[in-house]
Amino acid sequence: MLHATAMMQAMQSAPKSALAACYTSAQETMFFGWEDASRDSSDQLADKFADRFPEICVEAKQSDLGYVEWYRSMLDDTQPEGLPSICAGSPETNPLVKAKLIVLGHSKTESIHLPPLPSTGH
């Protein structure tokens, strides 16, 4: 069975120094593995996220114009119903090897470039 996965990631300078918080629908209501959040509202989950992942929240507030431009382009390229996806089953099928994200669903393209590395000027 396939499960949808959500990942919030803040790259500090290179992929090896990334901060990440992962959730997959296989975890059901144990958001990010938390045992105390199954009945929380979205506001309560957001508060817990900020409390438990402060580094990601700090990095997420940084300005990065290169990422903003990539995001705008990604939204345009994935219209009307595309969803960027990383699906890495093996090195031969791993889109990251080709520096691309697969686009699922009906869109203008089948793949998009990965976002740029963050600018170093916080």
PDB file of N, CA and C in Angstrom:
ATOM      1  N   MET A   1       0.837  -1.169   0.000  1.00  0.00           N
ATOM      2  CA  MET A   1       0.000   0.000   0.000  1.00  0.00           C
ATOM      3  C   MET A   1       0.888   1.239   0.000  1.00  0.00           C
ATOM      4  N   LEU A   2       0.542   2.226  -0.824  1.00  0.00           N
ATOM      5  CA  LEU A   2       1.266   3.484  -0.866  1.00  0.00           C
ATOM      6  C   LEU A   2       0.654   4.451   0.132  1.00  0.00           C
ATOM      7  N   HIS A   3       1.509   5.238   0.758  1.00  0.00           N
ATOM      8  CA  HIS A   3       1.053   6.240   1.713  1.00  0.00           C
ATOM      9  C   HIS A   3       1.598   7.596   1.321  1.00  0.00           C
ATOM     10  N   ALA A   4       0.760   8.591   1.407  1.00  0.00           N
ATOM     11  CA  ALA A   4       1.217   9.958   1.138  1.00  0.00           C
ATOM     12  C   ALA A   4       2.167  10.389   2.236  1.00  0.00           C
ATOM     13  N   THR A   5       3.187  11.137   1.876  1.00  0.00           N
ATOM     14  CA  THR A   5       4.177  11.601   2.833  1.00  0.00           C
ATOM     15  C   THR A   5       4.290  13.110   2.753  1.00  0.00           C
ATOM     16  N   ALA A   6       4.333  13.745   3.897  1.00  0.00           N
ATOM     17  CA  ALA A   6       4.578  15.179   3.957  1.00  0.00           C
ATOM     18  C   ALA A   6       5.908  15.389   4.654  1.00  0.00           C
ATOM     19  N   MET A   7       6.707  16.288   4.113  1.00  0.00           N
ATOM     20  CA  MET A   7       7.993  16.565   4.749  1.00  0.00           C
ATOM     21  C   MET A   7       8.238  18.060   4.726  1.00  0.00           C
ATOM     22  N   MET A   8       8.517  18.626   5.878  1.00  0.00           N
ATOM     23  CA  MET A   8       8.927  20.011   5.973  1.00  0.00           C
ATOM     24  C   MET A   8      10.432  19.983   6.106  1.00  0.00           C
ATOM     25  N   GLN A   9      11.094  20.711   5.248  1.00  0.00           N
ATOM     26  CA  GLN A   9      12.551  20.672   5.265  1.00  0.00           C
ATOM     27  C   GLN A   9      13.102  22.078   5.132  1.00  0.00           C
ATOM     28  N   ALA A  10      14.123  22.361   5.900  1.00  0.00           N
ATOM     29  CA  ALA A  10      14.833  23.632   5.796  1.00  0.00           C
ATOM     30  C   ALA A  10      16.301  23.316   5.571  1.00  0.00           C
ATOM     31  N   MET A  11      16.804  23.659   4.400  1.00  0.00           N
ATOM     32  CA  MET A  11      18.218  23.432   4.122  1.00  0.00           C
ATOM     33  C   MET A  11      19.002  24.638   4.583  1.00  0.00           C
ATOM     34  N   GLN A  12      20.060  24.391   5.323  1.00  0.00           N
ATOM     35  CA  GLN A  12      20.860  25.493   5.815  1.00  0.00           C
ATOM     36  C   GLN A  12      21.901  25.924   4.784  1.00  0.00           C
ATOM     37  N   SER A  13      22.570  24.992   4.137  1.00  0.00           N
ATOM     38  CA  SER A  13      23.538  25.375   3.114  1.00  0.00           C
ATOM     39  C   SER A  13      23.737  24.277   2.088  1.00  0.00           C
ATOM     40  N   ALA A  14      23.581  23.058   2.487  1.00  0.00           N
ATOM     41  CA  ALA A  14      23.741  21.933   1.571  1.00  0.00           C
ATOM     42  C   ALA A  14      22.871  20.788   2.075  1.00  0.00           C
ATOM     43  N   PRO A  15      22.512  19.845   1.195  1.00  0.00           N
ATOM     44  CA  PRO A  15      21.634  18.758   1.619  1.00  0.00           C
ATOM     45  C   PRO A  15      22.109  18.003   2.861  1.00  0.00           C
ATOM     46  N   LYS A  16      23.410  17.924   3.101  1.00  0.00           N
ATOM     47  CA  LYS A  16      23.891  17.189   4.274  1.00  0.00           C
ATOM     48  C   LYS A  16      23.606  17.916   5.575  1.00  0.00           C
ATOM     49  N   SER A  17      23.277  19.214   5.496  1.00  0.00           N
ATOM     50  CA  SER A  17      22.992  19.954   6.719  1.00  0.00           C
ATOM     51  C   SER A  17      21.516  20.335   6.817  1.00  0.00           C
ATOM     52  N   ALA A  18      20.665  19.558   6.177  1.00  0.00           N
ATOM     53  CA  ALA A  18      19.235  19.851   6.171  1.00  0.00           C
ATOM     54  C   ALA A  18      18.585  19.467   7.493  1.00  0.00           C
ATOM     55  N   LEU A  19      17.584  20.221   7.846  1.00  0.00           N
ATOM     56  CA  LEU A  19      16.720  19.910   8.980  1.00  0.00           C
ATOM     57  C   LEU A  19      15.423  19.392   8.381  1.00  0.00           C
ATOM     58  N   ALA A  20      14.858  18.341   8.944  1.00  0.00           N
ATOM     59  CA  ALA A  20      13.641  17.800   8.352  1.00  0.00           C
ATOM     60  C   ALA A  20      12.706  17.265   9.425  1.00  0.00           C
ATOM     61  N   ALA A  21      11.415  17.395   9.152  1.00  0.00           N
ATOM     62  CA  ALA A  21      10.360  16.802   9.969  1.00  0.00           C
ATOM     63  C   ALA A  21       9.470  16.027   9.006  1.00  0.00           C
ATOM     64  N   CYS A  22       9.322  14.741   9.215  1.00  0.00           N
ATOM     65  CA  CYS A  22       8.603  13.902   8.256  1.00  0.00           C
ATOM     66  C   CYS A  22       7.337  13.303   8.858  1.00  0.00           C
ATOM     67  N   TYR A  23       6.335  13.197   7.998  1.00  0.00           N
ATOM     68  CA  TYR A  23       5.076  12.549   8.361  1.00  0.00           C
ATOM     69  C   TYR A  23       4.593  11.773   7.154  1.00  0.00           C
ATOM     70  N   THR A  24       4.102  10.579   7.372  1.00  0.00           N
ATOM     71  CA  THR A  24       3.465   9.803   6.313  1.00  0.00           C
ATOM     72  C   THR A  24       2.076   9.391   6.783  1.00  0.00           C
ATOM     73  N   SER A  25       1.165   9.261   5.840  1.00  0.00           N
ATOM     74  CA  SER A  25      -0.204   8.893   6.215  1.00  0.00           C
ATOM     75  C   SER A  25      -0.260   7.521   6.880  1.00  0.00           C
ATOM     76  N   ALA A  26       0.782   6.716   6.739  1.00  0.00           N
ATOM     77  CA  ALA A  26       0.831   5.433   7.444  1.00  0.00           C
ATOM     78  C   ALA A  26       0.849   5.648   8.965  1.00  0.00           C
ATOM     79  N   GLN A  27       1.304   6.826   9.400  1.00  0.00           N
ATOM     80  CA  GLN A  27       1.315   7.147  10.828  1.00  0.00           C
ATOM     81  C   GLN A  27      -0.071   7.556  11.327  1.00  0.00           C
ATOM     82  N   GLU A  28      -1.003   7.707  10.398  1.00  0.00           N
ATOM     83  CA  GLU A  28      -2.370   8.113  10.707  1.00  0.00           C
ATOM     84  C   GLU A  28      -2.384   9.368  11.568  1.00  0.00           C
ATOM     85  N   THR A  29      -2.917   9.324  12.783  1.00  0.00           N
ATOM     86  CA  THR A  29      -3.012  10.533  13.602  1.00  0.00           C
ATOM     87  C   THR A  29      -1.826  10.715  14.546  1.00  0.00           C
ATOM     88  N   MET A  30      -0.766   9.968  14.346  1.00  0.00           N
ATOM     89  CA  MET A  30       0.457  10.178  15.130  1.00  0.00           C
ATOM     90  C   MET A  30       1.371  11.102  14.317  1.00  0.00           C
ATOM     91  N   PHE A  31       0.926  12.353  14.143  1.00  0.00           N
ATOM     92  CA  PHE A  31       1.636  13.321  13.334  1.00  0.00           C
ATOM     93  C   PHE A  31       3.085  13.456  13.793  1.00  0.00           C
ATOM     94  N   PHE A  32       4.014  13.305  12.849  1.00  0.00           N
ATOM     95  CA  PHE A  32       5.447  13.385  13.124  1.00  0.00           C
ATOM     96  C   PHE A  32       5.879  12.421  14.232  1.00  0.00           C
ATOM     97  N   GLY A  33       5.096  11.352  14.437  1.00  0.00           N
ATOM     98  CA  GLY A  33       5.413  10.365  15.465  1.00  0.00           C
ATOM     99  C   GLY A  33       4.969  10.768  16.864  1.00  0.00           C
ATOM    100  N   TRP A  34       4.250  11.866  16.974  1.00  0.00           N
ATOM    101  CA  TRP A  34       3.820  12.359  18.280  1.00  0.00           C
ATOM    102  C   TRP A  34       2.635  11.553  18.786  1.00  0.00           C
ATOM    103  N   GLU A  35       2.703  11.112  20.023  1.00  0.00           N
ATOM    104  CA  GLU A  35       1.611  10.345  20.618  1.00  0.00           C
ATOM    105  C   GLU A  35       0.566  11.234  21.283  1.00  0.00           C
ATOM    106  N   ASP A  36       0.835  12.533  21.383  1.00  0.00           N
ATOM    107  CA  ASP A  36      -0.074  13.437  22.089  1.00  0.00           C
ATOM    108  C   ASP A  36      -0.781  14.419  21.155  1.00  0.00           C
ATOM    109  N   ALA A  37      -0.939  14.068  19.873  1.00  0.00           N
ATOM    110  CA  ALA A  37      -1.502  15.041  18.933  1.00  0.00           C
ATOM    111  C   ALA A  37      -2.690  14.515  18.126  1.00  0.00           C
ATOM    112  N   SER A  38      -3.169  13.334  18.429  1.00  0.00           N
ATOM    113  CA  SER A  38      -4.186  12.708  17.580  1.00  0.00           C
ATOM    114  C   SER A  38      -5.498  13.486  17.511  1.00  0.00           C
ATOM    115  N   ARG A  39      -5.814  14.255  18.509  1.00  0.00           N
ATOM    116  CA  ARG A  39      -7.074  15.007  18.514  1.00  0.00           C
ATOM    117  C   ARG A  39      -6.849  16.519  18.406  1.00  0.00           C
ATOM    118  N   ASP A  40      -5.640  16.922  18.092  1.00  0.00           N
ATOM    119  CA  ASP A  40      -5.317  18.349  18.025  1.00  0.00           C
ATOM    120  C   ASP A  40      -5.915  19.015  16.797  1.00  0.00           C
ATOM    121  N   SER A  41      -6.249  20.279  16.946  1.00  0.00           N
ATOM    122  CA  SER A  41      -6.689  21.096  15.809  1.00  0.00           C
ATOM    123  C   SER A  41      -5.449  21.484  14.994  1.00  0.00           C
ATOM    124  N   SER A  42      -5.667  22.051  13.833  1.00  0.00           N
ATOM    125  CA  SER A  42      -4.523  22.481  13.022  1.00  0.00           C
ATOM    126  C   SER A  42      -3.712  23.554  13.752  1.00  0.00           C
ATOM    127  N   ASP A  43      -4.369  24.434  14.488  1.00  0.00           N
ATOM    128  CA  ASP A  43      -3.641  25.451  15.260  1.00  0.00           C
ATOM    129  C   ASP A  43      -2.792  24.811  16.352  1.00  0.00           C
ATOM    130  N   GLN A  44      -3.336  23.813  17.026  1.00  0.00           N
ATOM    131  CA  GLN A  44      -2.578  23.124  18.073  1.00  0.00           C
ATOM    132  C   GLN A  44      -1.387  22.369  17.474  1.00  0.00           C
ATOM    133  N   LEU A  45      -1.597  21.743  16.311  1.00  0.00           N
ATOM    134  CA  LEU A  45      -0.486  21.055  15.642  1.00  0.00           C
ATOM    135  C   LEU A  45       0.600  22.048  15.243  1.00  0.00           C
ATOM    136  N   ALA A  46       0.189  23.200  14.737  1.00  0.00           N
ATOM    137  CA  ALA A  46       1.163  24.230  14.346  1.00  0.00           C
ATOM    138  C   ALA A  46       1.969  24.699  15.554  1.00  0.00           C
ATOM    139  N   ASP A  47       1.296  24.890  16.685  1.00  0.00           N
ATOM    140  CA  ASP A  47       2.003  25.303  17.899  1.00  0.00           C
ATOM    141  C   ASP A  47       3.001  24.239  18.343  1.00  0.00           C
ATOM    142  N   LYS A  48       2.584  22.969  18.306  1.00  0.00           N
ATOM    143  CA  LYS A  48       3.503  21.885  18.680  1.00  0.00           C
ATOM    144  C   LYS A  48       4.675  21.817  17.722  1.00  0.00           C
ATOM    145  N   PHE A  49       4.397  22.000  16.428  1.00  0.00           N
ATOM    146  CA  PHE A  49       5.472  21.974  15.445  1.00  0.00           C
ATOM    147  C   PHE A  49       6.501  23.063  15.759  1.00  0.00           C
ATOM    148  N   ALA A  50       6.027  24.275  16.019  1.00  0.00           N
ATOM    149  CA  ALA A  50       6.929  25.384  16.331  1.00  0.00           C
ATOM    150  C   ALA A  50       7.720  25.114  17.606  1.00  0.00           C
ATOM    151  N   ASP A  51       7.086  24.515  18.611  1.00  0.00           N
ATOM    152  CA  ASP A  51       7.773  24.196  19.867  1.00  0.00           C
ATOM    153  C   ASP A  51       8.796  23.078  19.697  1.00  0.00           C
ATOM    154  N   ARG A  52       8.472  22.083  18.875  1.00  0.00           N
ATOM    155  CA  ARG A  52       9.306  20.884  18.774  1.00  0.00           C
ATOM    156  C   ARG A  52      10.343  20.946  17.647  1.00  0.00           C
ATOM    157  N   PHE A  53      10.125  21.841  16.699  1.00  0.00           N
ATOM    158  CA  PHE A  53      11.072  21.992  15.588  1.00  0.00           C
ATOM    159  C   PHE A  53      11.433  23.471  15.423  1.00  0.00           C
ATOM    160  N   PRO A  54      11.967  24.099  16.476  1.00  0.00           N
ATOM    161  CA  PRO A  54      12.243  25.539  16.377  1.00  0.00           C
ATOM    162  C   PRO A  54      13.281  25.883  15.308  1.00  0.00           C
ATOM    163  N   GLU A  55      14.246  24.996  15.079  1.00  0.00           N
ATOM    164  CA  GLU A  55      15.277  25.291  14.078  1.00  0.00           C
ATOM    165  C   GLU A  55      14.676  25.377  12.680  1.00  0.00           C
ATOM    166  N   ILE A  56      13.754  24.475  12.368  1.00  0.00           N
ATOM    167  CA  ILE A  56      13.098  24.512  11.058  1.00  0.00           C
ATOM    168  C   ILE A  56      12.311  25.812  10.919  1.00  0.00           C
ATOM    169  N   CYS A  57      11.614  26.211  11.966  1.00  0.00           N
ATOM    170  CA  CYS A  57      10.814  27.435  11.907  1.00  0.00           C
ATOM    171  C   CYS A  57      11.693  28.670  11.716  1.00  0.00           C
ATOM    172  N   VAL A  58      12.841  28.718  12.381  1.00  0.00           N
ATOM    173  CA  VAL A  58      13.762  29.845  12.200  1.00  0.00           C
ATOM    174  C   VAL A  58      14.254  29.886  10.764  1.00  0.00           C
ATOM    175  N   GLU A  59      14.696  28.741  10.246  1.00  0.00           N
ATOM    176  CA  GLU A  59      15.206  28.696   8.873  1.00  0.00           C
ATOM    177  C   GLU A  59      14.106  29.015   7.859  1.00  0.00           C
ATOM    178  N   ALA A  60      12.877  28.603   8.140  1.00  0.00           N
ATOM    179  CA  ALA A  60      11.768  28.826   7.208  1.00  0.00           C
ATOM    180  C   ALA A  60      11.420  30.305   7.076  1.00  0.00           C
ATOM    181  N   LYS A  61      11.801  31.104   8.037  1.00  0.00           N
ATOM    182  CA  LYS A  61      11.488  32.535   7.992  1.00  0.00           C
ATOM    183  C   LYS A  61      12.539  33.339   7.231  1.00  0.00           C
ATOM    184  N   GLN A  62      13.612  32.690   6.778  1.00  0.00           N
ATOM    185  CA  GLN A  62      14.661  33.393   6.048  1.00  0.00           C
ATOM    186  C   GLN A  62      14.212  33.694   4.621  1.00  0.00           C
ATOM    187  N   SER A  63      14.660  34.811   4.098  1.00  0.00           N
ATOM    188  CA  SER A  63      14.338  35.195   2.724  1.00  0.00           C
ATOM    189  C   SER A  63      15.271  34.480   1.758  1.00  0.00           C
ATOM    190  N   ASP A  64      14.721  33.918   0.703  1.00  0.00           N
ATOM    191  CA  ASP A  64      15.520  33.237  -0.312  1.00  0.00           C
ATOM    192  C   ASP A  64      14.842  33.457  -1.663  1.00  0.00           C
ATOM    193  N   LEU A  65      15.260  34.488  -2.364  1.00  0.00           N
ATOM    194  CA  LEU A  65      14.612  34.870  -3.616  1.00  0.00           C
ATOM    195  C   LEU A  65      14.737  33.794  -4.689  1.00  0.00           C
ATOM    196  N   GLY A  66      15.846  33.045  -4.697  1.00  0.00           N
ATOM    197  CA  GLY A  66      15.988  31.955  -5.659  1.00  0.00           C
ATOM    198  C   GLY A  66      14.920  30.902  -5.473  1.00  0.00           C
ATOM    199  N   TYR A  67      14.616  30.573  -4.222  1.00  0.00           N
ATOM    200  CA  TYR A  67      13.573  29.595  -3.936  1.00  0.00           C
ATOM    201  C   TYR A  67      12.202  30.143  -4.312  1.00  0.00           C
ATOM    202  N   VAL A  68      11.972  31.426  -4.030  1.00  0.00           N
ATOM    203  CA  VAL A  68      10.691  32.047  -4.376  1.00  0.00           C
ATOM    204  C   VAL A  68      10.442  31.938  -5.876  1.00  0.00           C
ATOM    205  N   GLU A  69      11.456  32.243  -6.677  1.00  0.00           N
ATOM    206  CA  GLU A  69      11.314  32.146  -8.135  1.00  0.00           C
ATOM    207  C   GLU A  69      11.091  30.704  -8.571  1.00  0.00           C
ATOM    208  N   TRP A  70      11.831  29.752  -7.962  1.00  0.00           N
ATOM    209  CA  TRP A  70      11.639  28.339  -8.294  1.00  0.00           C
ATOM    210  C   TRP A  70      10.201  27.925  -7.957  1.00  0.00           C
ATOM    211  N   TYR A  71       9.702  28.338  -6.807  1.00  0.00           N
ATOM    212  CA  TYR A  71       8.359  27.964  -6.369  1.00  0.00           C
ATOM    213  C   TYR A  71       7.297  28.507  -7.329  1.00  0.00           C
ATOM    214  N   ARG A  72       7.454  29.766  -7.729  1.00  0.00           N
ATOM    215  CA  ARG A  72       6.508  30.343  -8.704  1.00  0.00           C
ATOM    216  C   ARG A  72       6.510  29.539  -9.999  1.00  0.00           C
ATOM    217  N   SER A  73       7.705  29.206 -10.466  1.00  0.00           N
ATOM    218  CA  SER A  73       7.833  28.429 -11.697  1.00  0.00           C
ATOM    219  C   SER A  73       7.229  27.042 -11.528  1.00  0.00           C
ATOM    220  N   MET A  74       7.459  26.411 -10.358  1.00  0.00           N
ATOM    221  CA  MET A  74       6.908  25.083 -10.085  1.00  0.00           C
ATOM    222  C   MET A  74       5.383  25.120 -10.116  1.00  0.00           C
ATOM    223  N   LEU A  75       4.783  26.151  -9.509  1.00  0.00           N
ATOM    224  CA  LEU A  75       3.327  26.261  -9.523  1.00  0.00           C
ATOM    225  C   LEU A  75       2.807  26.391 -10.949  1.00  0.00           C
ATOM    226  N   ASP A  76       3.478  27.186 -11.756  1.00  0.00           N
ATOM    227  CA  ASP A  76       3.063  27.356 -13.143  1.00  0.00           C
ATOM    228  C   ASP A  76       3.231  26.050 -13.921  1.00  0.00           C
ATOM    229  N   ASP A  77       4.384  25.395 -13.771  1.00  0.00           N
ATOM    230  CA  ASP A  77       4.671  24.171 -14.524  1.00  0.00           C
ATOM    231  C   ASP A  77       3.766  23.001 -14.150  1.00  0.00           C
ATOM    232  N   THR A  78       3.272  22.971 -12.934  1.00  0.00           N
ATOM    233  CA  THR A  78       2.462  21.835 -12.480  1.00  0.00           C
ATOM    234  C   THR A  78       0.956  22.076 -12.626  1.00  0.00           C
ATOM    235  N   GLN A  79       0.566  23.167 -13.259  1.00  0.00           N
ATOM    236  CA  GLN A  79      -0.853  23.431 -13.494  1.00  0.00           C
ATOM    237  C   GLN A  79      -1.421  22.406 -14.464  1.00  0.00           C
ATOM    238  N   PRO A  80      -2.668  21.994 -14.425  1.00  0.00           N
ATOM    239  CA  PRO A  80      -3.649  22.448 -13.452  1.00  0.00           C
ATOM    240  C   PRO A  80      -3.721  21.586 -12.195  1.00  0.00           C
ATOM    241  N   GLU A  81      -3.212  20.343 -12.239  1.00  0.00           N
ATOM    242  CA  GLU A  81      -3.403  19.442 -11.094  1.00  0.00           C
ATOM    243  C   GLU A  81      -2.157  18.624 -10.770  1.00  0.00           C
ATOM    244  N   GLY A  82      -0.985  19.132 -11.095  1.00  0.00           N
ATOM    245  CA  GLY A  82       0.238  18.375 -10.859  1.00  0.00           C
ATOM    246  C   GLY A  82       0.698  18.436  -9.414  1.00  0.00           C
ATOM    247  N   LEU A  83       1.408  17.395  -8.993  1.00  0.00           N
ATOM    248  CA  LEU A  83       1.951  17.315  -7.640  1.00  0.00           C
ATOM    249  C   LEU A  83       3.397  16.859  -7.725  1.00  0.00           C
ATOM    250  N   PRO A  84       4.362  17.733  -7.366  1.00  0.00           N
ATOM    251  CA  PRO A  84       5.766  17.309  -7.380  1.00  0.00           C
ATOM    252  C   PRO A  84       5.979  16.182  -6.376  1.00  0.00           C
ATOM    253  N   SER A  85       6.778  15.193  -6.772  1.00  0.00           N
ATOM    254  CA  SER A  85       6.970  14.021  -5.924  1.00  0.00           C
ATOM    255  C   SER A  85       8.393  13.510  -6.034  1.00  0.00           C
ATOM    256  N   ILE A  86       8.940  13.089  -4.907  1.00  0.00           N
ATOM    257  CA  ILE A  86      10.201  12.368  -4.902  1.00  0.00           C
ATOM    258  C   ILE A  86       9.845  10.909  -4.687  1.00  0.00           C
ATOM    259  N   CYS A  87      10.189  10.085  -5.634  1.00  0.00           N
ATOM    260  CA  CYS A  87       9.896   8.657  -5.561  1.00  0.00           C
ATOM    261  C   CYS A  87      11.185   7.925  -5.866  1.00  0.00           C
ATOM    262  N   ALA A  88      11.927   7.571  -4.840  1.00  0.00           N
ATOM    263  CA  ALA A  88      13.254   6.997  -5.031  1.00  0.00           C
ATOM    264  C   ALA A  88      13.260   5.514  -4.692  1.00  0.00           C
ATOM    265  N   GLY A  89      13.017   4.676  -5.677  1.00  0.00           N
ATOM    266  CA  GLY A  89      13.029   3.240  -5.436  1.00  0.00           C
ATOM    267  C   GLY A  89      14.410   2.636  -5.572  1.00  0.00           C
ATOM    268  N   SER A  90      15.193   3.123  -6.531  1.00  0.00           N
ATOM    269  CA  SER A  90      16.539   2.619  -6.759  1.00  0.00           C
ATOM    270  C   SER A  90      17.348   3.719  -7.434  1.00  0.00           C
ATOM    271  N   PRO A  91      18.672   3.609  -7.476  1.00  0.00           N
ATOM    272  CA  PRO A  91      19.471   4.637  -8.145  1.00  0.00           C
ATOM    273  C   PRO A  91      19.066   4.848  -9.602  1.00  0.00           C
ATOM    274  N   GLU A  92      18.615   3.789 -10.271  1.00  0.00           N
ATOM    275  CA  GLU A  92      18.224   3.911 -11.680  1.00  0.00           C
ATOM    276  C   GLU A  92      16.931   4.706 -11.856  1.00  0.00           C
ATOM    277  N   THR A  93      16.038   4.629 -10.872  1.00  0.00           N
ATOM    278  CA  THR A  93      14.755   5.321 -10.987  1.00  0.00           C
ATOM    279  C   THR A  93      14.675   6.558 -10.095  1.00  0.00           C
ATOM    280  N   ASN A  94      15.718   6.830  -9.335  1.00  0.00           N
ATOM    281  CA  ASN A  94      15.713   7.950  -8.405  1.00  0.00           C
ATOM    282  C   ASN A  94      15.784   9.269  -9.163  1.00  0.00           C
ATOM    283  N   PRO A  95      14.722  10.095  -9.093  1.00  0.00           N
ATOM    284  CA  PRO A  95      14.749  11.366  -9.819  1.00  0.00           C
ATOM    285  C   PRO A  95      15.808  12.319  -9.291  1.00  0.00           C
ATOM    286  N   LEU A  96      16.229  12.140  -8.041  1.00  0.00           N
ATOM    287  CA  LEU A  96      17.239  13.032  -7.490  1.00  0.00           C
ATOM    288  C   LEU A  96      18.577  12.862  -8.191  1.00  0.00           C
ATOM    289  N   VAL A  97      18.844  11.665  -8.725  1.00  0.00           N
ATOM    290  CA  VAL A  97      20.074  11.440  -9.479  1.00  0.00           C
ATOM    291  C   VAL A  97      20.080  12.336 -10.714  1.00  0.00           C
ATOM    292  N   LYS A  98      18.915  12.565 -11.274  1.00  0.00           N
ATOM    293  CA  LYS A  98      18.787  13.401 -12.468  1.00  0.00           C
ATOM    294  C   LYS A  98      18.462  14.849 -12.100  1.00  0.00           C
ATOM    295  N   ALA A  99      18.492  15.189 -10.816  1.00  0.00           N
ATOM    296  CA  ALA A  99      18.199  16.537 -10.321  1.00  0.00           C
ATOM    297  C   ALA A  99      16.812  17.010 -10.752  1.00  0.00           C
ATOM    298  N   LYS A 100      15.839  16.114 -10.685  1.00  0.00           N
ATOM    299  CA  LYS A 100      14.462  16.440 -11.080  1.00  0.00           C
ATOM    300  C   LYS A 100      13.481  15.874 -10.052  1.00  0.00           C
ATOM    301  N   LEU A 101      12.321  16.488  -9.992  1.00  0.00           N
ATOM    302  CA  LEU A 101      11.193  15.949  -9.245  1.00  0.00           C
ATOM    303  C   LEU A 101      10.173  15.453 -10.260  1.00  0.00           C
ATOM    304  N   ILE A 102       9.636  14.277 -10.044  1.00  0.00           N
ATOM    305  CA  ILE A 102       8.568  13.750 -10.894  1.00  0.00           C
ATOM    306  C   ILE A 102       7.299  14.537 -10.585  1.00  0.00           C
ATOM    307  N   VAL A 103       6.504  14.824 -11.602  1.00  0.00           N
ATOM    308  CA  VAL A 103       5.222  15.497 -11.401  1.00  0.00           C
ATOM    309  C   VAL A 103       4.112  14.483 -11.647  1.00  0.00           C
ATOM    310  N   LEU A 104       3.314  14.226 -10.621  1.00  0.00           N
ATOM    311  CA  LEU A 104       2.185  13.312 -10.708  1.00  0.00           C
ATOM    312  C   LEU A 104       0.935  14.090 -11.094  1.00  0.00           C
ATOM    313  N   GLY A 105       0.021  13.441 -11.771  1.00  0.00           N
ATOM    314  CA  GLY A 105      -1.240  14.078 -12.125  1.00  0.00           C
ATOM    315  C   GLY A 105      -1.152  14.833 -13.436  1.00  0.00           C
ATOM    316  N   HIS A 106      -2.222  15.540 -13.757  1.00  0.00           N
ATOM    317  CA  HIS A 106      -2.337  16.278 -15.011  1.00  0.00           C
ATOM    318  C   HIS A 106      -1.631  17.626 -14.881  1.00  0.00           C
ATOM    319  N   SER A 107      -0.549  17.828 -15.645  1.00  0.00           N
ATOM    320  CA  SER A 107       0.183  19.091 -15.594  1.00  0.00           C
ATOM    321  C   SER A 107       0.836  19.363 -16.937  1.00  0.00           C
ATOM    322  N   LYS A 108       1.514  20.500 -17.021  1.00  0.00           N
ATOM    323  CA  LYS A 108       2.198  20.899 -18.246  1.00  0.00           C
ATOM    324  C   LYS A 108       3.459  20.083 -18.501  1.00  0.00           C
ATOM    325  N   THR A 109       3.992  19.423 -17.489  1.00  0.00           N
ATOM    326  CA  THR A 109       5.277  18.747 -17.601  1.00  0.00           C
ATOM    327  C   THR A 109       5.286  17.459 -16.795  1.00  0.00           C
ATOM    328  N   GLU A 110       6.228  16.583 -17.095  1.00  0.00           N
ATOM    329  CA  GLU A 110       6.369  15.328 -16.354  1.00  0.00           C
ATOM    330  C   GLU A 110       7.382  15.428 -15.224  1.00  0.00           C
ATOM    331  N   SER A 111       8.243  16.454 -15.267  1.00  0.00           N
ATOM    332  CA  SER A 111       9.234  16.629 -14.211  1.00  0.00           C
ATOM    333  C   SER A 111       9.629  18.102 -14.115  1.00  0.00           C
ATOM    334  N   ILE A 112      10.164  18.470 -12.968  1.00  0.00           N
ATOM    335  CA  ILE A 112      10.664  19.829 -12.758  1.00  0.00           C
ATOM    336  C   ILE A 112      12.026  19.743 -12.090  1.00  0.00           C
ATOM    337  N   HIS A 113      12.816  20.784 -12.253  1.00  0.00           N
ATOM    338  CA  HIS A 113      14.127  20.832 -11.602  1.00  0.00           C
ATOM    339  C   HIS A 113      13.966  20.919 -10.095  1.00  0.00           C
ATOM    340  N   LEU A 114      14.948  20.426  -9.374  1.00  0.00           N
ATOM    341  CA  LEU A 114      14.961  20.586  -7.918  1.00  0.00           C
ATOM    342  C   LEU A 114      15.085  22.054  -7.565  1.00  0.00           C
ATOM    343  N   PRO A 115      14.629  22.440  -6.388  1.00  0.00           N
ATOM    344  CA  PRO A 115      14.812  23.840  -5.977  1.00  0.00           C
ATOM    345  C   PRO A 115      16.293  24.137  -5.815  1.00  0.00           C
ATOM    346  N   PRO A 116      16.653  25.418  -5.947  1.00  0.00           N
ATOM    347  CA  PRO A 116      18.070  25.767  -5.784  1.00  0.00           C
ATOM    348  C   PRO A 116      18.489  25.629  -4.333  1.00  0.00           C
ATOM    349  N   LEU A 117      19.792  25.479  -4.132  1.00  0.00           N
ATOM    350  CA  LEU A 117      20.323  25.523  -2.768  1.00  0.00           C
ATOM    351  C   LEU A 117      20.070  26.915  -2.205  1.00  0.00           C
ATOM    352  N   PRO A 118      19.888  27.012  -0.909  1.00  0.00           N
ATOM    353  CA  PRO A 118      19.589  28.319  -0.334  1.00  0.00           C
ATOM    354  C   PRO A 118      20.759  29.283  -0.510  1.00  0.00           C
ATOM    355  N   SER A 119      20.402  30.556  -0.615  1.00  0.00           N
ATOM    356  CA  SER A 119      21.455  31.567  -0.641  1.00  0.00           C
ATOM    357  C   SER A 119      22.059  31.637   0.741  1.00  0.00           C
ATOM    358  N   THR A 120      23.300  32.023   0.828  1.00  0.00           N
ATOM    359  CA  THR A 120      23.992  32.021   2.109  1.00  0.00           C
ATOM    360  C   THR A 120      23.746  33.281   2.921  1.00  0.00           C
ATOM    361  N   GLY A 121      23.186  34.312   2.320  1.00  0.00           N
ATOM    362  CA  GLY A 121      22.963  35.557   3.044  1.00  0.00           C
ATOM    363  C   GLY A 121      21.659  35.588   3.784  1.00  0.00           C
ATOM    364  N   HIS A 122      21.630  35.128   5.064  1.00  0.00           N
ATOM    365  CA  HIS A 122      20.401  35.166   5.866  1.00  0.00           C
ATOM    366  C   HIS A 122      20.095  36.582   6.207  1.00  0.00           C
TER     367      HIS A 122
END
